PDB file of N, CA and C in Angstrom:
ATOM      1  N   MET A   1      35.592  -5.370 -64.161  1.00  0.00           N
ATOM      2  CA  MET A   1      36.548  -5.900 -63.137  1.00  0.00           C
ATOM      3  C   MET A   1      36.797  -7.188 -64.574  1.00  0.00           C
ATOM      4  N   THR A   2      37.937  -7.916 -63.541  1.00  0.00           N
ATOM      5  CA  THR A   2      38.667  -9.496 -64.770  1.00  0.00           C
ATOM      6  C   THR A   2      38.761  -9.677 -64.297  1.00  0.00           C
ATOM      7  N   SER A   3      38.361 -11.493 -65.394  1.00  0.00           N
ATOM      8  CA  SER A   3      38.252 -12.596 -64.149  1.00  0.00           C
ATOM      9  C   SER A   3      38.930 -13.289 -63.734  1.00  0.00           C
ATOM     10  N   ALA A   4      41.011 -12.412 -63.365  1.00  0.00           N
ATOM     11  CA  ALA A   4      41.647 -12.866 -61.965  1.00  0.00           C
ATOM     12  C   ALA A   4      40.710 -12.299 -60.867  1.00  0.00           C
ATOM     13  N   TYR A   5      40.110 -11.401 -61.061  1.00  0.00           N
ATOM     14  CA  TYR A   5      39.706 -10.584 -59.803  1.00  0.00           C
ATOM     15  C   TYR A   5      38.215 -11.362 -59.397  1.00  0.00           C
ATOM     16  N   TRP A   6      37.536 -11.764 -60.101  1.00  0.00           N
ATOM     17  CA  TRP A   6      36.278 -12.559 -60.023  1.00  0.00           C
ATOM     18  C   TRP A   6      36.803 -14.059 -59.304  1.00  0.00           C
ATOM     19  N   LEU A   7      37.802 -14.281 -60.190  1.00  0.00           N
ATOM     20  CA  LEU A   7      38.655 -15.395 -59.563  1.00  0.00           C
ATOM     21  C   LEU A   7      38.945 -14.891 -57.283  1.00  0.00           C
ATOM     22  N   LEU A   8      39.424 -13.972 -57.383  1.00  0.00           N
ATOM     23  CA  LEU A   8      40.092 -13.583 -56.209  1.00  0.00           C
ATOM     24  C   LEU A   8      38.753 -13.647 -54.658  1.00  0.00           C
ATOM     25  N   ALA A   9      37.464 -12.709 -55.491  1.00  0.00           N
ATOM     26  CA  ALA A   9      36.399 -13.279 -54.815  1.00  0.00           C
ATOM     27  C   ALA A   9      35.938 -14.357 -54.897  1.00  0.00           C
ATOM     28  N   LEU A  10      36.444 -15.178 -54.971  1.00  0.00           N
ATOM     29  CA  LEU A  10      35.799 -16.084 -54.902  1.00  0.00           C
ATOM     30  C   LEU A  10      36.894 -16.591 -53.518  1.00  0.00           C
ATOM     31  N   ALA A  11      37.491 -16.765 -53.527  1.00  0.00           N
ATOM     32  CA  ALA A  11      39.072 -17.210 -53.101  1.00  0.00           C
ATOM     33  C   ALA A  11      38.466 -16.877 -51.803  1.00  0.00           C
ATOM     34  N   ILE A  12      37.935 -16.028 -51.607  1.00  0.00           N
ATOM     35  CA  ILE A  12      37.750 -14.480 -50.524  1.00  0.00           C
ATOM     36  C   ILE A  12      36.682 -15.504 -49.582  1.00  0.00           C
ATOM     37  N   ILE A  13      35.537 -15.394 -50.792  1.00  0.00           N
ATOM     38  CA  ILE A  13      34.096 -15.856 -50.408  1.00  0.00           C
ATOM     39  C   ILE A  13      34.543 -17.337 -49.659  1.00  0.00           C
ATOM     40  N   ALA A  14      35.328 -18.822 -50.157  1.00  0.00           N
ATOM     41  CA  ALA A  14      35.238 -19.470 -49.880  1.00  0.00           C
ATOM     42  C   ALA A  14      36.431 -19.741 -48.326  1.00  0.00           C
ATOM     43  N   GLU A  15      37.220 -18.504 -48.199  1.00  0.00           N
ATOM     44  CA  GLU A  15      38.272 -18.272 -47.158  1.00  0.00           C
ATOM     45  C   GLU A  15      37.476 -18.298 -45.788  1.00  0.00           C
ATOM     46  N   VAL A  16      35.978 -16.975 -45.881  1.00  0.00           N
ATOM     47  CA  VAL A  16      35.421 -17.050 -45.111  1.00  0.00           C
ATOM     48  C   VAL A  16      34.642 -17.968 -44.240  1.00  0.00           C
ATOM     49  N   ILE A  17      34.443 -18.670 -45.782  1.00  0.00           N
ATOM     50  CA  ILE A  17      32.974 -19.644 -45.758  1.00  0.00           C
ATOM     51  C   ILE A  17      33.921 -21.149 -44.829  1.00  0.00           C
ATOM     52  N   ALA A  18      35.032 -21.277 -45.209  1.00  0.00           N
ATOM     53  CA  ALA A  18      35.654 -22.309 -44.321  1.00  0.00           C
ATOM     54  C   ALA A  18      36.397 -21.476 -43.011  1.00  0.00           C
ATOM     55  N   THR A  19      36.819 -20.381 -43.027  1.00  0.00           N
ATOM     56  CA  THR A  19      37.106 -20.361 -41.080  1.00  0.00           C
ATOM     57  C   THR A  19      35.766 -19.380 -40.416  1.00  0.00           C
ATOM     58  N   LEU A  20      34.185 -19.152 -40.724  1.00  0.00           N
ATOM     59  CA  LEU A  20      33.454 -19.347 -39.742  1.00  0.00           C
ATOM     60  C   LEU A  20      32.606 -20.481 -39.671  1.00  0.00           C
ATOM     61  N   SER A  21      33.528 -21.519 -40.572  1.00  0.00           N
ATOM     62  CA  SER A  21      32.694 -22.786 -39.900  1.00  0.00           C
ATOM     63  C   SER A  21      34.429 -23.902 -38.807  1.00  0.00           C
ATOM     64  N   LEU A  22      35.136 -23.170 -39.094  1.00  0.00           N
ATOM     65  CA  LEU A  22      36.209 -23.912 -37.929  1.00  0.00           C
ATOM     66  C   LEU A  22      35.209 -23.810 -36.832  1.00  0.00           C
ATOM     67  N   LYS A  23      34.622 -22.662 -36.333  1.00  0.00           N
ATOM     68  CA  LYS A  23      34.048 -22.583 -34.384  1.00  0.00           C
ATOM     69  C   LYS A  23      32.795 -24.179 -34.268  1.00  0.00           C
ATOM     70  N   ALA A  24      32.324 -24.253 -35.740  1.00  0.00           N
ATOM     71  CA  ALA A  24      31.281 -25.461 -35.728  1.00  0.00           C
ATOM     72  C   ALA A  24      31.904 -26.894 -35.638  1.00  0.00           C
ATOM     73  N   THR A  25      33.240 -26.801 -36.269  1.00  0.00           N
ATOM     74  CA  THR A  25      33.729 -28.175 -35.885  1.00  0.00           C
ATOM     75  C   THR A  25      34.107 -28.582 -34.552  1.00  0.00           C
ATOM     76  N   GLN A  26      34.553 -28.085 -34.150  1.00  0.00           N
ATOM     77  CA  GLN A  26      34.362 -28.805 -32.109  1.00  0.00           C
ATOM     78  C   GLN A  26      35.605 -29.645 -32.405  1.00  0.00           C
ATOM     79  N   GLY A  27      36.799 -28.715 -32.683  1.00  0.00           N
ATOM     80  CA  GLY A  27      38.068 -29.902 -32.825  1.00  0.00           C
ATOM     81  C   GLY A  27      38.239 -31.021 -33.967  1.00  0.00           C
ATOM     82  N   PHE A  28      37.344 -30.566 -34.841  1.00  0.00           N
ATOM     83  CA  PHE A  28      37.058 -31.490 -36.650  1.00  0.00           C
ATOM     84  C   PHE A  28      36.254 -32.625 -36.224  1.00  0.00           C
ATOM     85  N   THR A  29      35.094 -32.462 -34.672  1.00  0.00           N
ATOM     86  CA  THR A  29      34.445 -33.605 -34.200  1.00  0.00           C
ATOM     87  C   THR A  29      33.485 -34.003 -34.668  1.00  0.00           C
ATOM     88  N   GLN A  30      33.114 -32.015 -34.987  1.00  0.00           N
ATOM     89  CA  GLN A  30      31.927 -32.146 -36.460  1.00  0.00           C
ATOM     90  C   GLN A  30      32.193 -32.482 -38.239  1.00  0.00           C
ATOM     91  N   TRP A  31      31.495 -33.937 -38.630  1.00  0.00           N
ATOM     92  CA  TRP A  31      32.196 -33.951 -40.170  1.00  0.00           C
ATOM     93  C   TRP A  31      31.957 -32.758 -40.362  1.00  0.00           C
ATOM     94  N   LEU A  32      29.819 -32.270 -40.937  1.00  0.00           N
ATOM     95  CA  LEU A  32      29.594 -31.430 -41.787  1.00  0.00           C
ATOM     96  C   LEU A  32      30.260 -29.781 -41.936  1.00  0.00           C
ATOM     97  N   PRO A  33      30.538 -29.617 -40.807  1.00  0.00           N
ATOM     98  CA  PRO A  33      31.392 -28.224 -40.910  1.00  0.00           C
ATOM     99  C   PRO A  33      33.549 -28.727 -41.033  1.00  0.00           C
ATOM    100  N   SER A  34      33.672 -30.044 -40.340  1.00  0.00           N
ATOM    101  CA  SER A  34      34.614 -29.916 -41.039  1.00  0.00           C
ATOM    102  C   SER A  34      35.450 -30.270 -42.698  1.00  0.00           C
ATOM    103  N   VAL A  35      34.466 -30.873 -42.741  1.00  0.00           N
ATOM    104  CA  VAL A  35      33.953 -31.238 -44.911  1.00  0.00           C
ATOM    105  C   VAL A  35      34.795 -28.841 -45.418  1.00  0.00           C
ATOM    106  N   ALA A  36      33.592 -28.481 -44.909  1.00  0.00           N
ATOM    107  CA  ALA A  36      33.430 -27.232 -44.885  1.00  0.00           C
ATOM    108  C   ALA A  36      34.687 -26.404 -44.623  1.00  0.00           C
ATOM    109  N   VAL A  37      35.483 -26.788 -43.440  1.00  0.00           N
ATOM    110  CA  VAL A  37      36.515 -26.059 -43.500  1.00  0.00           C
ATOM    111  C   VAL A  37      37.527 -26.117 -44.814  1.00  0.00           C
ATOM    112  N   ILE A  38      37.882 -27.949 -44.847  1.00  0.00           N
ATOM    113  CA  ILE A  38      38.261 -28.144 -45.694  1.00  0.00           C
ATOM    114  C   ILE A  38      38.525 -28.369 -47.308  1.00  0.00           C
ATOM    115  N   VAL A  39      37.282 -28.357 -47.778  1.00  0.00           N
ATOM    116  CA  VAL A  39      36.979 -28.104 -48.921  1.00  0.00           C
ATOM    117  C   VAL A  39      37.159 -26.339 -49.596  1.00  0.00           C
ATOM    118  N   GLY A  40      36.478 -25.673 -47.428  1.00  0.00           N
ATOM    119  CA  GLY A  40      36.703 -24.076 -48.476  1.00  0.00           C
ATOM    120  C   GLY A  40      37.798 -23.434 -48.331  1.00  0.00           C
ATOM    121  N   TYR A  41      39.151 -24.073 -47.736  1.00  0.00           N
ATOM    122  CA  TYR A  41      40.325 -23.745 -47.834  1.00  0.00           C
ATOM    123  C   TYR A  41      40.807 -24.321 -48.844  1.00  0.00           C
ATOM    124  N   GLY A  42      40.150 -25.190 -49.157  1.00  0.00           N
ATOM    125  CA  GLY A  42      40.882 -25.505 -50.716  1.00  0.00           C
ATOM    126  C   GLY A  42      40.244 -25.414 -51.630  1.00  0.00           C
ATOM    127  N   VAL A  43      39.664 -24.799 -51.849  1.00  0.00           N
ATOM    128  CA  VAL A  43      38.869 -24.282 -52.805  1.00  0.00           C
ATOM    129  C   VAL A  43      39.813 -22.343 -52.613  1.00  0.00           C
ATOM    130  N   ALA A  44      39.602 -22.226 -52.081  1.00  0.00           N
ATOM    131  CA  ALA A  44      40.664 -20.907 -51.415  1.00  0.00           C
ATOM    132  C   ALA A  44      42.106 -20.824 -51.982  1.00  0.00           C
ATOM    133  N   PHE A  45      42.480 -21.472 -51.640  1.00  0.00           N
ATOM    134  CA  PHE A  45      43.513 -21.723 -51.732  1.00  0.00           C
ATOM    135  C   PHE A  45      44.401 -22.363 -53.233  1.00  0.00           C
ATOM    136  N   ILE A  46      43.558 -22.513 -54.362  1.00  0.00           N
ATOM    137  CA  ILE A  46      43.486 -23.344 -55.513  1.00  0.00           C
ATOM    138  C   ILE A  46      42.986 -21.598 -56.625  1.00  0.00           C
ATOM    139  N   CYS A  47      42.381 -21.259 -56.003  1.00  0.00           N
ATOM    140  CA  CYS A  47      41.783 -19.778 -56.918  1.00  0.00           C
ATOM    141  C   CYS A  47      42.524 -19.514 -56.400  1.00  0.00           C
ATOM    142  N   LEU A  48      43.196 -18.735 -55.381  1.00  0.00           N
ATOM    143  CA  LEU A  48      44.429 -17.803 -55.389  1.00  0.00           C
ATOM    144  C   LEU A  48      45.549 -18.419 -55.407  1.00  0.00           C
ATOM    145  N   SER A  49      46.499 -19.107 -55.900  1.00  0.00           N
ATOM    146  CA  SER A  49      47.519 -19.968 -56.169  1.00  0.00           C
ATOM    147  C   SER A  49      47.305 -19.582 -57.993  1.00  0.00           C
ATOM    148  N   ILE A  50      46.153 -19.257 -59.077  1.00  0.00           N
ATOM    149  CA  ILE A  50      45.840 -19.210 -60.019  1.00  0.00           C
ATOM    150  C   ILE A  50      45.696 -17.314 -60.225  1.00  0.00           C
ATOM    151  N   VAL A  51      45.011 -17.664 -59.510  1.00  0.00           N
ATOM    152  CA  VAL A  51      45.174 -15.034 -59.291  1.00  0.00           C
ATOM    153  C   VAL A  51      46.249 -14.704 -59.919  1.00  0.00           C
ATOM    154  N   VAL A  52      47.515 -15.692 -58.503  1.00  0.00           N
ATOM    155  CA  VAL A  52      48.964 -14.832 -58.567  1.00  0.00           C
ATOM    156  C   VAL A  52      49.339 -15.200 -59.457  1.00  0.00           C
ATOM    157  N   LYS A  53      49.020 -15.639 -60.946  1.00  0.00           N
ATOM    158  CA  LYS A  53      49.903 -15.305 -62.455  1.00  0.00           C
ATOM    159  C   LYS A  53      49.363 -14.132 -63.120  1.00  0.00           C
ATOM    160  N   THR A  54      47.966 -13.361 -62.540  1.00  0.00           N
ATOM    161  CA  THR A  54      47.790 -12.006 -63.584  1.00  0.00           C
ATOM    162  C   THR A  54      47.943 -10.627 -62.092  1.00  0.00           C
ATOM    163  N   ILE A  55      47.543 -11.136 -60.714  1.00  0.00           N
ATOM    164  CA  ILE A  55      48.065 -10.364 -59.797  1.00  0.00           C
ATOM    165  C   ILE A  55      49.302 -10.521 -58.997  1.00  0.00           C
ATOM    166  N   PRO A  56      49.920  -9.149 -58.826  1.00  0.00           N
ATOM    167  CA  PRO A  56      50.656  -9.340 -58.357  1.00  0.00           C
ATOM    168  C   PRO A  56      50.874 -10.306 -56.218  1.00  0.00           C
ATOM    169  N   LEU A  57      51.932 -11.051 -55.437  1.00  0.00           N
ATOM    170  CA  LEU A  57      51.696 -11.307 -55.308  1.00  0.00           C
ATOM    171  C   LEU A  57      51.221 -10.710 -53.756  1.00  0.00           C
ATOM    172  N   GLY A  58      51.776  -9.821 -53.251  1.00  0.00           N
ATOM    173  CA  GLY A  58      51.423  -8.841 -52.743  1.00  0.00           C
ATOM    174  C   GLY A  58      50.222  -8.491 -52.678  1.00  0.00           C
ATOM    175  N   LEU A  59      49.824  -8.065 -53.661  1.00  0.00           N
ATOM    176  CA  LEU A  59      48.166  -7.288 -53.847  1.00  0.00           C
ATOM    177  C   LEU A  59      47.521  -8.133 -53.628  1.00  0.00           C
ATOM    178  N   ALA A  60      47.341  -9.808 -54.151  1.00  0.00           N
ATOM    179  CA  ALA A  60      46.513 -10.335 -54.114  1.00  0.00           C
ATOM    180  C   ALA A  60      46.906 -10.627 -52.849  1.00  0.00           C
ATOM    181  N   TYR A  61      47.034 -11.167 -51.528  1.00  0.00           N
ATOM    182  CA  TYR A  61      47.074 -11.562 -50.605  1.00  0.00           C
ATOM    183  C   TYR A  61      46.720 -10.224 -50.172  1.00  0.00           C
ATOM    184  N   ALA A  62      46.531  -8.930 -50.066  1.00  0.00           N
ATOM    185  CA  ALA A  62      46.544  -8.358 -49.529  1.00  0.00           C
ATOM    186  C   ALA A  62      45.167  -7.643 -49.727  1.00  0.00           C
ATOM    187  N   ILE A  63      44.970  -7.949 -50.427  1.00  0.00           N
ATOM    188  CA  ILE A  63      43.514  -7.808 -50.835  1.00  0.00           C
ATOM    189  C   ILE A  63      42.075  -9.182 -50.491  1.00  0.00           C
ATOM    190  N   TRP A  64      42.552 -10.069 -50.659  1.00  0.00           N
ATOM    191  CA  TRP A  64      42.442 -11.257 -50.011  1.00  0.00           C
ATOM    192  C   TRP A  64      42.473 -11.367 -48.687  1.00  0.00           C
ATOM    193  N   THR A  65      43.078 -11.089 -47.675  1.00  0.00           N
ATOM    194  CA  THR A  65      43.244 -11.138 -46.384  1.00  0.00           C
ATOM    195  C   THR A  65      43.077 -10.069 -45.174  1.00  0.00           C
ATOM    196  N   GLY A  66      42.914  -8.836 -46.429  1.00  0.00           N
ATOM    197  CA  GLY A  66      42.444  -7.614 -45.624  1.00  0.00           C
ATOM    198  C   GLY A  66      40.470  -7.815 -45.688  1.00  0.00           C
ATOM    199  N   ILE A  67      40.213  -8.106 -47.172  1.00  0.00           N
ATOM    200  CA  ILE A  67      38.492  -7.884 -47.272  1.00  0.00           C
ATOM    201  C   ILE A  67      38.218  -9.457 -46.550  1.00  0.00           C
ATOM    202  N   GLY A  68      38.688 -10.012 -46.577  1.00  0.00           N
ATOM    203  CA  GLY A  68      38.321 -11.738 -45.987  1.00  0.00           C
ATOM    204  C   GLY A  68      38.431 -11.317 -44.339  1.00  0.00           C
ATOM    205  N   THR A  69      39.587 -10.970 -43.623  1.00  0.00           N
ATOM    206  CA  THR A  69      39.784 -10.477 -42.646  1.00  0.00           C
ATOM    207  C   THR A  69      37.746  -9.614 -42.029  1.00  0.00           C
ATOM    208  N   VAL A  70      37.474  -8.177 -42.230  1.00  0.00           N
ATOM    209  CA  VAL A  70      36.286  -7.308 -42.533  1.00  0.00           C
ATOM    210  C   VAL A  70      35.418  -8.626 -42.194  1.00  0.00           C
ATOM    211  N   LEU A  71      35.091  -9.468 -43.613  1.00  0.00           N
ATOM    212  CA  LEU A  71      33.866  -9.734 -43.543  1.00  0.00           C
ATOM    213  C   LEU A  71      34.200 -11.390 -42.914  1.00  0.00           C
ATOM    214  N   ILE A  72      34.767 -11.779 -41.912  1.00  0.00           N
ATOM    215  CA  ILE A  72      34.534 -12.493 -41.067  1.00  0.00           C
ATOM    216  C   ILE A  72      34.496 -12.037 -39.259  1.00  0.00           C
ATOM    217  N   THR A  73      35.125 -10.881 -39.117  1.00  0.00           N
ATOM    218  CA  THR A  73      34.262 -10.184 -38.288  1.00  0.00           C
ATOM    219  C   THR A  73      32.995  -9.819 -37.852  1.00  0.00           C
ATOM    220  N   LEU A  74      33.080  -9.715 -39.367  1.00  0.00           N
ATOM    221  CA  LEU A  74      31.101  -8.800 -39.225  1.00  0.00           C
ATOM    222  C   LEU A  74      30.632  -9.672 -38.870  1.00  0.00           C
ATOM    223  N   PHE A  75      30.816 -11.359 -39.810  1.00  0.00           N
ATOM    224  CA  PHE A  75      29.786 -12.286 -39.739  1.00  0.00           C
ATOM    225  C   PHE A  75      29.949 -13.013 -38.126  1.00  0.00           C
ATOM    226  N   ALA A  76      30.735 -13.028 -37.719  1.00  0.00           N
ATOM    227  CA  ALA A  76      31.373 -12.841 -36.210  1.00  0.00           C
ATOM    228  C   ALA A  76      30.884 -12.790 -35.284  1.00  0.00           C
ATOM    229  N   ALA A  77      30.534 -11.287 -35.693  1.00  0.00           N
ATOM    230  CA  ALA A  77      29.479 -10.580 -34.972  1.00  0.00           C
ATOM    231  C   ALA A  77      28.230 -10.961 -34.908  1.00  0.00           C
ATOM    232  N   TYR A  78      28.233 -11.312 -36.410  1.00  0.00           N
ATOM    233  CA  TYR A  78      26.099 -11.632 -36.148  1.00  0.00           C
ATOM    234  C   TYR A  78      26.277 -13.088 -35.988  1.00  0.00           C
ATOM    235  N   LEU A  79      26.968 -14.185 -36.533  1.00  0.00           N
ATOM    236  CA  LEU A  79      26.782 -15.124 -36.118  1.00  0.00           C
ATOM    237  C   LEU A  79      26.774 -16.266 -35.034  1.00  0.00           C
ATOM    238  N   TYR A  80      27.914 -15.367 -34.569  1.00  0.00           N
ATOM    239  CA  TYR A  80      28.053 -15.655 -33.266  1.00  0.00           C
ATOM    240  C   TYR A  80      27.506 -14.589 -31.785  1.00  0.00           C
ATOM    241  N   GLN A  81      27.597 -13.810 -32.028  1.00  0.00           N
ATOM    242  CA  GLN A  81      27.840 -12.288 -31.438  1.00  0.00           C
ATOM    243  C   GLN A  81      28.688 -11.881 -30.485  1.00  0.00           C
ATOM    244  N   GLN A  82      30.126 -12.272 -31.371  1.00  0.00           N
ATOM    245  CA  GLN A  82      31.128 -11.312 -30.733  1.00  0.00           C
ATOM    246  C   GLN A  82      31.281  -9.445 -30.858  1.00  0.00           C
ATOM    247  N   ALA A  83      31.445  -9.353 -29.708  1.00  0.00           N
ATOM    248  CA  ALA A  83      30.912  -8.128 -29.720  1.00  0.00           C
ATOM    249  C   ALA A  83      32.679  -6.498 -30.237  1.00  0.00           C
ATOM    250  N   LEU A  84      31.483  -5.673 -30.996  1.00  0.00           N
ATOM    251  CA  LEU A  84      33.576  -4.822 -31.827  1.00  0.00           C
ATOM    252  C   LEU A  84      32.999  -3.957 -31.151  1.00  0.00           C
ATOM    253  N   ASP A  85      33.631  -3.122 -30.559  1.00  0.00           N
ATOM    254  CA  ASP A  85      34.550  -2.170 -30.182  1.00  0.00           C
ATOM    255  C   ASP A  85      34.713  -1.023 -31.775  1.00  0.00           C
ATOM    256  N   LEU A  86      34.673   0.033 -31.128  1.00  0.00           N
ATOM    257  CA  LEU A  86      35.302   1.028 -31.552  1.00  0.00           C
ATOM    258  C   LEU A  86      36.600   1.031 -32.481  1.00  0.00           C
ATOM    259  N   PRO A  87      37.725   0.552 -31.433  1.00  0.00           N
ATOM    260  CA  PRO A  87      38.332   0.165 -32.079  1.00  0.00           C
ATOM    261  C   PRO A  87      38.477  -0.878 -33.218  1.00  0.00           C
ATOM    262  N   ALA A  88      38.082  -1.495 -32.888  1.00  0.00           N
ATOM    263  CA  ALA A  88      38.036  -2.841 -34.316  1.00  0.00           C
ATOM    264  C   ALA A  88      37.410  -2.001 -34.933  1.00  0.00           C
ATOM    265  N   ILE A  89      36.373  -1.437 -34.803  1.00  0.00           N
ATOM    266  CA  ILE A  89      35.669  -0.732 -36.252  1.00  0.00           C
ATOM    267  C   ILE A  89      36.535  -0.149 -36.988  1.00  0.00           C
ATOM    268  N   ILE A  90      37.026   0.699 -35.909  1.00  0.00           N
ATOM    269  CA  ILE A  90      37.995   1.663 -37.240  1.00  0.00           C
ATOM    270  C   ILE A  90      39.895   1.016 -37.654  1.00  0.00           C
ATOM    271  N   GLY A  91      39.886  -0.185 -37.020  1.00  0.00           N
ATOM    272  CA  GLY A  91      40.669  -0.905 -37.443  1.00  0.00           C
ATOM    273  C   GLY A  91      40.424  -1.014 -39.080  1.00  0.00           C
ATOM    274  N   MET A  92      39.461  -2.090 -38.574  1.00  0.00           N
ATOM    275  CA  MET A  92      38.200  -2.698 -40.532  1.00  0.00           C
ATOM    276  C   MET A  92      38.263  -1.213 -40.882  1.00  0.00           C
ATOM    277  N   SER A  93      37.948  -0.699 -41.002  1.00  0.00           N
ATOM    278  CA  SER A  93      38.038   0.939 -41.800  1.00  0.00           C
ATOM    279  C   SER A  93      39.018   0.707 -42.241  1.00  0.00           C
ATOM    280  N   LEU A  94      40.504   1.249 -41.618  1.00  0.00           N
ATOM    281  CA  LEU A  94      41.490   1.392 -42.182  1.00  0.00           C
ATOM    282  C   LEU A  94      41.552   0.771 -43.286  1.00  0.00           C
ATOM    283  N   ILE A  95      41.749  -0.793 -43.012  1.00  0.00           N
ATOM    284  CA  ILE A  95      41.808  -1.627 -43.946  1.00  0.00           C
ATOM    285  C   ILE A  95      41.340  -1.959 -44.906  1.00  0.00           C
ATOM    286  N   VAL A  96      39.784  -1.659 -45.195  1.00  0.00           N
ATOM    287  CA  VAL A  96      38.594  -1.523 -45.877  1.00  0.00           C
ATOM    288  C   VAL A  96      39.119  -0.030 -46.990  1.00  0.00           C
ATOM    289  N   ALA A  97      39.984   1.258 -46.202  1.00  0.00           N
ATOM    290  CA  ALA A  97      40.380   2.180 -46.984  1.00  0.00           C
ATOM    291  C   ALA A  97      42.072   2.428 -47.666  1.00  0.00           C
ATOM    292  N   GLY A  98      42.173   0.823 -46.952  1.00  0.00           N
ATOM    293  CA  GLY A  98      43.853   0.948 -47.339  1.00  0.00           C
ATOM    294  C   GLY A  98      43.525  -0.447 -48.829  1.00  0.00           C
ATOM    295  N   VAL A  99      42.591  -1.031 -48.832  1.00  0.00           N
ATOM    296  CA  VAL A  99      42.559  -1.686 -50.104  1.00  0.00           C
ATOM    297  C   VAL A  99      42.462  -0.950 -50.864  1.00  0.00           C
ATOM    298  N   ILE A 100      41.410  -0.362 -50.988  1.00  0.00           N
ATOM    299  CA  ILE A 100      40.427   0.992 -52.263  1.00  0.00           C
ATOM    300  C   ILE A 100      41.514   2.006 -52.411  1.00  0.00           C
ATOM    301  N   VAL A 101      42.378   2.642 -51.517  1.00  0.00           N
ATOM    302  CA  VAL A 101      44.060   2.873 -52.188  1.00  0.00           C
ATOM    303  C   VAL A 101      44.349   2.531 -52.671  1.00  0.00           C
ATOM    304  N   ILE A 102      45.239   1.352 -52.928  1.00  0.00           N
ATOM    305  CA  ILE A 102      45.455  -0.280 -53.409  1.00  0.00           C
ATOM    306  C   ILE A 102      44.875   0.413 -54.676  1.00  0.00           C
ATOM    307  N   GLN A 103      43.738  -0.694 -54.848  1.00  0.00           N
ATOM    308  CA  GLN A 103      43.392   0.003 -56.299  1.00  0.00           C
ATOM    309  C   GLN A 103      42.879   1.060 -57.041  1.00  0.00           C
ATOM    310  N   LEU A 104      42.579   1.907 -56.398  1.00  0.00           N
ATOM    311  CA  LEU A 104      42.816   3.467 -56.962  1.00  0.00           C
ATOM    312  C   LEU A 104      44.126   4.293 -57.533  1.00  0.00           C
ATOM    313  N   PHE A 105      44.928   4.020 -57.359  1.00  0.00           N
ATOM    314  CA  PHE A 105      46.522   4.762 -57.390  1.00  0.00           C
ATOM    315  C   PHE A 105      47.312   4.259 -57.252  1.00  0.00           C
ATOM    316  N   SER A 106      47.384   3.619 -57.130  1.00  0.00           N
ATOM    317  CA  SER A 106      48.891   2.403 -57.292  1.00  0.00           C
ATOM    318  C   SER A 106      48.820   1.541 -58.418  1.00  0.00           C
ATOM    319  N   LYS A 107      49.798   1.119 -59.079  1.00  0.00           N
ATOM    320  CA  LYS A 107      50.141   1.047 -60.286  1.00  0.00           C
ATOM    321  C   LYS A 107      50.182  -0.392 -60.068  1.00  0.00           C
ATOM    322  N   THR A 108      50.508  -0.869 -59.012  1.00  0.00           N
ATOM    323  CA  THR A 108      50.915  -2.668 -58.053  1.00  0.00           C
ATOM    324  C   THR A 108      49.239  -2.935 -58.765  1.00  0.00           C
ATOM    325  N   ALA A 109      48.517  -2.286 -58.125  1.00  0.00           N
ATOM    326  CA  ALA A 109      47.045  -3.393 -58.649  1.00  0.00           C
ATOM    327  C   ALA A 109      46.648  -3.541 -60.369  1.00  0.00           C
ATOM    328  N   GLU A 110      47.472  -2.968 -61.515  1.00  0.00           N
ATOM    329  CA  GLU A 110      47.246  -2.935 -62.840  1.00  0.00           C
ATOM    330  C   GLU A 110      47.846  -4.805 -62.667  1.00  0.00           C
ATOM    331  N   VAL A 111      46.551  -5.434 -63.253  1.00  0.00           N
ATOM    332  CA  VAL A 111      46.779  -6.317 -63.571  1.00  0.00           C
ATOM    333  C   VAL A 111      47.321  -6.907 -65.343  1.00  0.00           C
ATOM    334  N   SER A 112      48.306  -7.683 -65.141  1.00  0.00           N
ATOM    335  CA  SER A 112      49.197  -7.861 -66.227  1.00  0.00           C
ATOM    336  C   SER A 112      47.822  -8.723 -67.078  1.00  0.00           C
TER     337      SER A 112
END
């Protein structure tokens, strides 16, 4: 795995933390989770801006949003007891399958 993909993983983690913290901000009235949101999104976008120098923009964004969406949904189900029904699980499985197909079979996934 190249350093660009490690940086993309860091961008995903930062974005997941920031998004999960949004609920705890209570409309940005709670300072600690609000700082987590601002710092998390800042780190995510800085990392993503570096990543797109070597990974094509569309591919980086697809991986970032796809994996981020799945992780946020899973963590929200655990942390906030948000129910996942069968269509949600199937949809997330398709997102993960799409990222895997791109990585395994697409020439777009080749890092320059």
